Amino acid sequence: MEVGPIARMRVAAARGAMARHGLDALVLASGPNLSYLSGYPATERTAARPFFLVLPRAGDLTMIVHAGREREARRFSWVGDVRIYEQLSVPPLGILGPLLATLGRNAVIGMELGGGLQLGISVASFEEIRAAIAPARVVDASAAIWDVRVVKQPVEIEAIRTACTATAEAYERTFSALVPGIRESDARNQMLVQLACRAADGWAVITSGRGNYDLATGPGTSRVIEPGDMVWLDAGCSISGFSSDFSRAAIIGSATADQREAHRAICEITRAAVMLVTPDRPVSEIAAYCEEAIARLGIPITSSVSGLASRVGHGLGLSTTEPPSLAIDDPAVLRPGMVITIEPGFATDFGIFHVEQNVAVTEADPDVLTAYRWDLYQTRC
């Protein structure tokens, strides 16, 4: 694959972050960070045939793959130096060791050890690698990696916008097909089918019916949806590796006065919170506003959806959930290029009220990427 501007931009940003954090190299294992910096499509996490990417602060990148993936790695990644190993279920120390030894005995090697990242190999394999490259030090690279990922490039923001459009189309098709008598799990499956027709890696959670509105992360049950039920979905998908994540709700029939008022209230709070998405604003200010606004409502709330999550939003990108957390105790400050969710919410006996929006931070007005109706969808019984 030709090394294009996106590849050069990502690698240059990673090297800048490595310099700021005192890293001589990154060693990434199977997962989204490897895909992001190599161009190789999403790599499954497998103990038998892990992928590795070695990114030194200067010089060529090297990708290490099992022999069975060599042709794919050469075709789909922008890494010119692809090396192969053949033995299963053991780290390729014969390649990694000499490669990292060229950085010197005092090298500092960053790996995905914390900060919301997952190491794409077993702990035992990690320990073998650390022992093999000693006295070079292995440290947590999460701060450097998030420095690169938290601010999106325009092409990445457009991928999220496209994923939001695909998700919106899936909501419209799913809600228009809702009828009394359908099972909750079938409604969720319909959403997943609609997402699969438009994108990769679709997901959805659902809840419906009185007594269930506090259960905001369910996979769907066999309960039959009845007239008057609210059907609430939270869903998203991935386009070019970048994710959407937003919720919407439908009423089987017509909304009651209580449902209309509660929905109006959460839309008002959410819109006001979206307008707070400006550069240099601490995310804690957005969290504080949402929490205080919900507390003042005077609606008989059975649970705070955002309170249970301990935040009113989060970063969005390669992963559905990324830093920052829009929480009172998160010190993060918004920067142009960040993409976040705004999702205050609460549950009552008569519904769940949570109209999540995906928003890009710009130098001007907030850019709402979720271009889909905010109102309650009301079906024909």
Protein backbone atom coordinates (compact mmCIF):
# COMPACT_ATOMS: atom_id res chain seq x y z
CA MET A 1 0.00 0.00 0.00
CA GLU A 2 1.25 3.49 -0.85
CA VAL A 3 2.28 5.61 2.11
CA GLY A 4 -0.20 8.48 1.89
CA PRO A 5 -0.78 11.67 3.85
CA ILE A 6 -2.95 9.98 6.49
CA ALA A 7 -0.19 7.50 7.29
CA ARG A 8 2.45 10.20 7.42
CA MET A 9 0.25 12.37 9.64
CA ARG A 10 -0.45 9.58 12.13
CA VAL A 11 3.17 8.42 12.33
CA ALA A 12 4.45 11.97 12.71
CA ALA A 13 1.93 12.65 15.48
CA ALA A 14 2.95 9.45 17.26
CA ARG A 15 6.60 10.37 17.08
CA GLY A 16 5.90 13.81 18.44
CA ALA A 17 4.04 12.26 21.37
CA MET A 18 6.86 9.77 21.94
CA ALA A 19 9.35 12.64 22.16
CA ARG A 20 7.16 14.49 24.67
CA HIS A 21 6.82 11.39 26.83
CA GLY A 22 10.41 10.22 26.61
CA LEU A 23 9.82 7.03 24.59
CA ASP A 24 12.39 5.63 22.18
CA ALA A 25 9.93 3.24 20.56
CA LEU A 26 6.37 1.96 20.69
CA VAL A 27 5.67 -1.77 20.56
CA LEU A 28 2.00 -2.32 19.82
CA ALA A 29 0.29 -5.68 19.80
CA SER A 30 -2.94 -6.81 18.11
CA GLY A 31 -5.69 -4.22 18.40
CA PRO A 32 -6.89 -0.79 17.31
CA ASN A 33 -3.67 1.10 17.97
CA LEU A 34 -1.70 -1.27 15.74
CA SER A 35 -4.31 -0.89 13.01
CA TYR A 36 -4.34 2.90 13.38
CA LEU A 37 -0.58 3.26 12.96
CA SER A 38 0.00 0.49 10.39
CA GLY A 39 -3.04 0.83 8.13
CA TYR A 40 -3.74 -2.88 8.54
CA PRO A 41 -7.48 -3.59 9.02
CA ALA A 42 -8.71 -4.43 12.51
CA THR A 43 -6.64 -7.27 13.93
CA GLU A 44 -8.27 -9.90 16.07
CA ARG A 45 -6.77 -10.55 19.48
CA THR A 46 -5.44 -14.09 19.28
CA ALA A 47 -2.91 -15.70 21.57
CA ALA A 48 -1.86 -18.07 18.79
CA ARG A 49 -0.85 -15.53 16.10
CA PRO A 50 -0.47 -12.02 17.56
CA PHE A 51 0.53 -9.05 15.45
CA PHE A 52 3.25 -6.60 16.51
CA LEU A 53 4.17 -3.14 15.28
CA VAL A 54 7.48 -1.54 16.23
CA LEU A 55 7.53 2.22 15.77
CA PRO A 56 10.89 3.81 16.67
CA ARG A 57 11.14 7.54 17.24
CA ALA A 58 13.22 7.68 14.05
CA GLY A 59 13.63 5.20 11.22
CA ASP A 60 11.39 2.65 9.58
CA LEU A 61 8.34 0.96 11.07
CA THR A 62 8.38 -2.82 11.30
CA MET A 63 5.35 -5.09 11.44
CA ILE A 64 5.75 -8.67 12.67
CA VAL A 65 3.07 -11.15 11.63
CA HIS A 66 2.53 -14.86 11.48
CA ALA A 67 3.45 -16.38 8.12
CA GLY A 68 -0.20 -16.97 7.35
CA ARG A 69 -0.85 -13.20 7.36
CA GLU A 70 2.22 -12.09 5.41
CA ARG A 71 0.44 -11.48 2.10
CA GLU A 72 -2.36 -9.54 3.79
CA ALA A 73 0.11 -7.43 5.76
CA ARG A 74 2.04 -6.52 2.62
CA ARG A 75 -1.13 -5.75 0.68
CA PHE A 76 -3.14 -3.79 3.23
CA SER A 77 -0.66 -2.02 5.52
CA TRP A 78 1.56 0.93 4.66
CA VAL A 79 4.50 -0.62 6.56
CA GLY A 80 7.34 -1.51 4.20
CA ASP A 81 9.28 -3.74 6.59
CA VAL A 82 7.10 -6.81 7.25
CA ARG A 83 8.75 -9.73 9.04
CA ILE A 84 7.23 -13.12 9.68
CA TYR A 85 7.34 -15.84 12.30
CA GLU A 86 5.94 -19.37 12.18
CA GLN A 87 5.72 -20.86 15.66
CA LEU A 88 2.29 -20.51 17.25
CA SER A 89 1.42 -19.20 20.73
CA VAL A 90 4.83 -17.75 21.56
CA PRO A 91 6.08 -14.18 21.09
CA PRO A 92 8.55 -13.76 18.18
CA LEU A 93 11.50 -12.92 20.42
CA GLY A 94 13.98 -13.82 17.70
CA ILE A 95 12.74 -10.82 15.75
CA LEU A 96 11.71 -8.43 18.51
CA GLY A 97 14.87 -8.85 20.58
CA PRO A 98 17.46 -7.90 17.93
CA LEU A 99 15.20 -5.22 16.49
CA LEU A 100 14.83 -3.41 19.81
CA ALA A 101 18.46 -3.99 20.74
CA THR A 102 19.42 -1.52 18.02
CA LEU A 103 17.89 1.23 20.18
CA GLY A 104 20.51 0.74 22.88
CA ARG A 105 20.69 -0.72 26.37
CA ASN A 106 19.04 2.30 27.96
CA ALA A 107 16.11 2.49 25.57
CA VAL A 108 12.63 3.23 26.92
CA ILE A 109 10.00 1.10 25.18
CA GLY A 110 6.33 2.03 25.42
CA MET A 111 3.60 -0.61 25.40
CA GLU A 112 -0.17 -0.59 26.01
CA LEU A 113 -0.11 -1.23 29.75
CA GLY A 114 -2.80 1.04 31.21
CA GLY A 115 -4.89 4.15 30.78
CA GLY A 116 -7.89 2.42 29.25
CA LEU A 117 -5.83 0.44 26.74
CA GLN A 118 -5.64 -3.33 26.40
CA LEU A 119 -2.47 -5.27 25.75
CA GLY A 120 -3.13 -7.56 22.79
CA ILE A 121 -1.04 -10.41 24.16
CA SER A 122 -1.05 -12.52 27.30
CA VAL A 123 0.66 -11.39 30.49
CA ALA A 124 3.07 -14.32 30.15
CA SER A 125 4.06 -13.23 26.63
CA PHE A 126 4.54 -9.67 27.85
CA GLU A 127 6.85 -10.87 30.62
CA GLU A 128 8.88 -12.89 28.10
CA ILE A 129 9.29 -9.83 25.89
CA ARG A 130 10.29 -7.62 28.81
CA ALA A 131 12.92 -10.12 29.94
CA ALA A 132 14.26 -10.57 26.41
CA ILE A 133 14.89 -6.87 25.80
CA ALA A 134 16.38 -6.04 29.23
CA PRO A 135 18.09 -3.85 30.31
CA ALA A 136 15.89 -1.68 28.09
CA ARG A 137 12.88 -0.52 30.12
CA VAL A 138 9.25 -1.19 29.25
CA VAL A 139 6.83 1.53 30.39
CA ASP A 140 3.18 2.40 29.93
CA ALA A 141 2.61 4.27 26.65
CA SER A 142 -1.06 5.12 27.18
CA ALA A 143 -0.46 8.86 27.71
CA ALA A 144 1.46 9.14 24.44
CA ILE A 145 -1.08 7.05 22.53
CA TRP A 146 -4.04 9.09 23.76
CA ASP A 147 -2.17 12.28 22.89
CA VAL A 148 -2.37 11.08 19.29
CA ARG A 149 -5.86 9.59 19.26
CA VAL A 150 -7.88 12.09 21.29
CA VAL A 151 -7.71 14.82 18.61
CA LYS A 152 -9.16 13.62 15.30
CA GLN A 153 -8.13 14.73 11.83
CA PRO A 154 -10.87 16.01 9.49
CA VAL A 155 -11.01 12.73 7.56
CA GLU A 156 -11.52 10.86 10.82
CA ILE A 157 -14.31 13.19 11.93
CA GLU A 158 -16.00 12.63 8.58
CA ALA A 159 -15.79 8.86 9.13
CA ILE A 160 -17.61 9.31 12.45
CA ARG A 161 -20.20 11.52 10.73
CA THR A 162 -20.76 8.79 8.12
CA ALA A 163 -21.13 6.20 10.89
CA CYS A 164 -23.72 8.47 12.53
CA THR A 165 -25.64 8.71 9.26
CA ALA A 166 -25.63 4.92 8.89
CA THR A 167 -26.87 4.56 12.47
CA ALA A 168 -29.62 7.13 11.89
CA GLU A 169 -30.84 5.23 8.82
CA ALA A 170 -30.86 2.02 10.86
CA TYR A 171 -32.95 3.69 13.59
CA GLU A 172 -35.46 4.94 11.04
CA ARG A 173 -35.90 1.50 9.48
CA THR A 174 -36.09 -0.24 12.85
CA PHE A 175 -38.58 2.15 14.42
CA SER A 176 -40.81 2.17 11.33
CA ALA A 177 -41.11 -1.63 11.61
CA LEU A 178 -42.07 -1.69 15.31
CA VAL A 179 -45.50 -3.16 15.98
CA PRO A 180 -47.21 -4.48 19.11
CA GLY A 181 -46.43 -8.16 19.64
CA ILE A 182 -42.80 -8.06 18.50
CA ARG A 183 -40.28 -9.39 21.00
CA GLU A 184 -37.75 -6.98 22.45
CA SER A 185 -34.86 -9.17 21.29
CA ASP A 186 -36.27 -9.20 17.74
CA ALA A 187 -36.42 -5.40 17.71
CA ARG A 188 -32.75 -5.26 18.70
CA ASN A 189 -31.88 -7.86 16.07
CA GLN A 190 -33.66 -5.73 13.45
CA MET A 191 -31.43 -2.81 14.45
CA LEU A 192 -28.34 -4.99 14.14
CA VAL A 193 -29.43 -6.19 10.69
CA GLN A 194 -29.96 -2.62 9.54
CA LEU A 195 -26.53 -1.62 10.84
CA ALA A 196 -24.92 -4.61 9.14
CA CYS A 197 -26.39 -3.50 5.82
CA ARG A 198 -24.61 -0.16 6.12
CA ALA A 199 -21.41 -0.60 8.09
CA ALA A 200 -19.12 -2.87 10.05
CA ASP A 201 -19.11 -3.78 13.73
CA GLY A 202 -22.63 -2.65 14.59
CA TRP A 203 -23.87 -2.99 18.17
CA ALA A 204 -27.06 -2.19 20.07
CA VAL A 205 -28.59 -2.41 23.55
CA ILE A 206 -32.31 -2.10 24.27
CA THR A 207 -34.90 -1.76 26.98
CA SER A 208 -38.68 -1.37 26.92
CA GLY A 209 -41.79 -1.41 29.07
CA ARG A 210 -42.73 -0.32 32.58
CA GLY A 211 -40.43 -1.77 35.22
CA ASN A 212 -37.51 -2.04 32.78
CA TYR A 213 -36.54 1.55 32.11
CA ASP A 214 -33.75 1.52 34.70
CA LEU A 215 -32.05 -1.29 32.73
CA ALA A 216 -30.16 0.72 30.14
CA THR A 217 -27.60 -1.79 28.90
CA GLY A 218 -29.66 -4.88 28.10
CA PRO A 219 -29.15 -7.19 25.10
CA GLY A 220 -32.90 -7.71 24.71
CA THR A 221 -35.26 -10.24 26.24
CA SER A 222 -38.18 -12.34 25.06
CA ARG A 223 -40.73 -9.91 26.51
CA VAL A 224 -43.44 -8.87 24.07
CA ILE A 225 -43.63 -5.17 23.28
CA GLU A 226 -47.11 -3.78 23.96
CA PRO A 227 -49.05 -0.62 23.03
CA GLY A 228 -47.87 2.31 25.16
CA ASP A 229 -44.36 0.89 25.68
CA MET A 230 -41.33 3.03 25.10
CA VAL A 231 -38.64 1.17 23.13
CA TRP A 232 -35.24 2.74 23.83
CA LEU A 233 -32.10 1.78 21.92
CA ASP A 234 -28.47 2.81 22.23
CA ALA A 235 -26.50 1.80 19.16
CA GLY A 236 -23.58 2.52 16.88
CA CYS A 237 -21.36 1.20 14.14
CA SER A 238 -17.92 1.60 12.66
CA ILE A 239 -16.91 3.23 9.36
CA SER A 240 -13.22 3.12 8.36
CA GLY A 241 -12.50 2.11 11.94
CA PHE A 242 -14.29 5.09 13.56
CA SER A 243 -17.42 4.68 15.64
CA SER A 244 -20.80 6.29 16.22
CA ASP A 245 -22.67 5.96 19.52
CA PHE A 246 -26.08 7.48 20.21
CA SER A 247 -29.51 6.63 21.57
CA ARG A 248 -33.08 7.23 20.44
CA ALA A 249 -36.54 6.07 21.58
CA ALA A 250 -39.90 5.19 20.07
CA ILE A 251 -43.37 4.96 21.59
CA ILE A 252 -45.68 2.17 20.48
CA GLY A 253 -48.67 4.38 19.75
CA SER A 254 -48.87 7.91 21.13
CA ALA A 255 -46.75 9.48 23.85
CA THR A 256 -48.43 10.50 27.09
CA ALA A 257 -48.25 14.02 28.48
CA ASP A 258 -45.69 12.83 31.07
CA GLN A 259 -43.52 11.26 28.38
CA ARG A 260 -43.67 14.37 26.21
CA GLU A 261 -42.72 16.65 29.10
CA ALA A 262 -39.84 14.46 30.31
CA HIS A 263 -38.52 14.14 26.77
CA ARG A 264 -38.78 17.88 26.23
CA ALA A 265 -36.80 18.43 29.43
CA ILE A 266 -33.92 16.09 28.53
CA CYS A 267 -33.72 17.56 25.02
CA GLU A 268 -33.46 21.04 26.52
CA ILE A 269 -30.67 19.98 28.89
CA THR A 270 -28.84 18.13 26.13
CA ARG A 271 -29.04 21.07 23.71
CA ALA A 272 -27.69 23.44 26.34
CA ALA A 273 -24.86 21.00 27.12
CA VAL A 274 -23.99 20.70 23.41
CA MET A 275 -23.57 24.48 23.26
CA LEU A 276 -20.96 24.19 26.02
CA VAL A 277 -18.74 22.10 23.73
CA THR A 278 -16.16 24.79 23.02
CA PRO A 279 -12.35 24.86 23.01
CA ASP A 280 -10.59 25.29 26.36
CA ARG A 281 -13.67 24.35 28.38
CA PRO A 282 -13.06 21.85 31.21
CA VAL A 283 -15.25 18.79 30.69
CA SER A 284 -16.11 18.95 34.40
CA GLU A 285 -18.14 22.11 33.69
CA ILE A 286 -20.37 20.23 31.25
CA ALA A 287 -20.82 17.40 33.75
CA ALA A 288 -21.71 19.82 36.54
CA TYR A 289 -24.27 21.63 34.39
CA CYS A 290 -26.03 18.39 33.39
CA GLU A 291 -26.13 16.98 36.91
CA GLU A 292 -27.50 20.22 38.37
CA ALA A 293 -30.08 20.61 35.59
CA ILE A 294 -31.44 17.10 36.09
CA ALA A 295 -31.56 17.58 39.87
CA ARG A 296 -33.77 20.68 39.40
CA LEU A 297 -36.37 19.00 37.17
CA GLY A 298 -38.86 17.88 39.78
CA ILE A 299 -39.71 14.79 37.73
CA PRO A 300 -40.20 11.51 39.66
CA ILE A 301 -36.89 9.92 38.59
CA THR A 302 -36.26 6.27 39.44
CA SER A 303 -32.58 6.41 38.45
CA SER A 304 -30.08 8.73 36.82
CA VAL A 305 -28.76 7.06 33.68
CA SER A 306 -25.77 9.39 33.53
CA GLY A 307 -25.35 9.09 37.30
CA LEU A 308 -25.09 5.31 37.07
CA ALA A 309 -22.43 5.76 34.39
CA SER A 310 -20.64 8.33 36.61
CA ARG A 311 -20.39 10.72 33.65
CA VAL A 312 -22.52 12.59 31.12
CA GLY A 313 -20.44 11.66 28.09
CA HIS A 314 -17.10 10.42 26.81
CA GLY A 315 -14.66 10.61 23.95
CA LEU A 316 -15.43 8.80 20.71
CA GLY A 317 -13.20 7.54 17.92
CA LEU A 318 -11.50 4.26 17.13
CA SER A 319 -13.22 2.90 20.22
CA THR A 320 -16.81 3.53 21.25
CA THR A 321 -15.54 4.82 24.59
CA GLU A 322 -12.36 6.88 24.78
CA PRO A 323 -10.99 9.65 26.99
CA PRO A 324 -12.03 12.09 28.20
CA SER A 325 -14.84 11.18 30.58
CA LEU A 326 -17.27 14.07 30.99
CA ALA A 327 -17.24 13.78 34.76
CA ILE A 328 -16.84 16.13 37.69
CA ASP A 329 -13.42 14.72 38.57
CA ASP A 330 -11.93 14.54 35.04
CA PRO A 331 -9.32 17.31 34.54
CA ALA A 332 -9.47 17.20 30.72
CA VAL A 333 -10.01 20.38 28.72
CA LEU A 334 -11.68 20.34 25.30
CA ARG A 335 -9.53 20.93 22.22
CA PRO A 336 -10.52 21.42 18.58
CA GLY A 337 -10.69 18.05 16.84
CA MET A 338 -11.96 16.13 19.85
CA VAL A 339 -15.18 14.18 19.35
CA ILE A 340 -17.30 13.54 22.41
CA THR A 341 -20.74 12.29 23.35
CA ILE A 342 -23.22 14.43 25.28
CA GLU A 343 -25.63 12.14 27.10
CA PRO A 344 -27.34 13.28 30.28
CA GLY A 345 -30.26 11.00 31.05
CA PHE A 346 -32.73 9.69 33.59
CA ALA A 347 -35.29 6.93 33.94
CA THR A 348 -38.85 7.04 35.29
CA ASP A 349 -41.70 4.57 35.63
CA PHE A 350 -42.94 5.72 32.22
CA GLY A 351 -39.76 5.83 30.17
CA ILE A 352 -36.03 6.39 29.77
CA PHE A 353 -35.05 9.87 28.64
CA HIS A 354 -31.59 10.04 27.09
CA VAL A 355 -30.99 11.61 23.66
CA GLU A 356 -27.28 11.10 23.15
CA GLN A 357 -25.44 13.32 20.67
CA ASN A 358 -22.01 12.92 19.06
CA VAL A 359 -20.28 16.30 18.83
CA ALA A 360 -16.99 17.48 17.32
CA VAL A 361 -15.17 20.36 19.00
CA THR A 362 -14.38 23.16 16.52
CA GLU A 363 -12.98 26.68 16.70
CA ALA A 364 -16.49 27.88 15.90
CA ASP A 365 -19.84 26.32 16.88
CA PRO A 366 -20.09 22.70 18.07
CA ASP A 367 -20.48 20.32 15.14
CA VAL A 368 -23.30 17.86 15.92
CA LEU A 369 -22.53 14.73 13.92
CA THR A 370 -25.75 12.90 14.85
CA ALA A 371 -28.00 14.42 12.20
CA TYR A 372 -31.13 12.52 13.22
CA ARG A 373 -34.43 13.57 14.78
CA TRP A 374 -34.44 14.30 18.50
CA ASP A 375 -38.17 13.84 19.04
CA LEU A 376 -39.84 10.66 20.29
CA TYR A 377 -40.69 8.40 17.36
CA GLN A 378 -44.37 7.48 17.63
CA THR A 379 -45.46 4.34 15.79
CA ARG A 380 -48.87 3.36 14.47
CA CYS A 381 -50.49 0.67 16.59
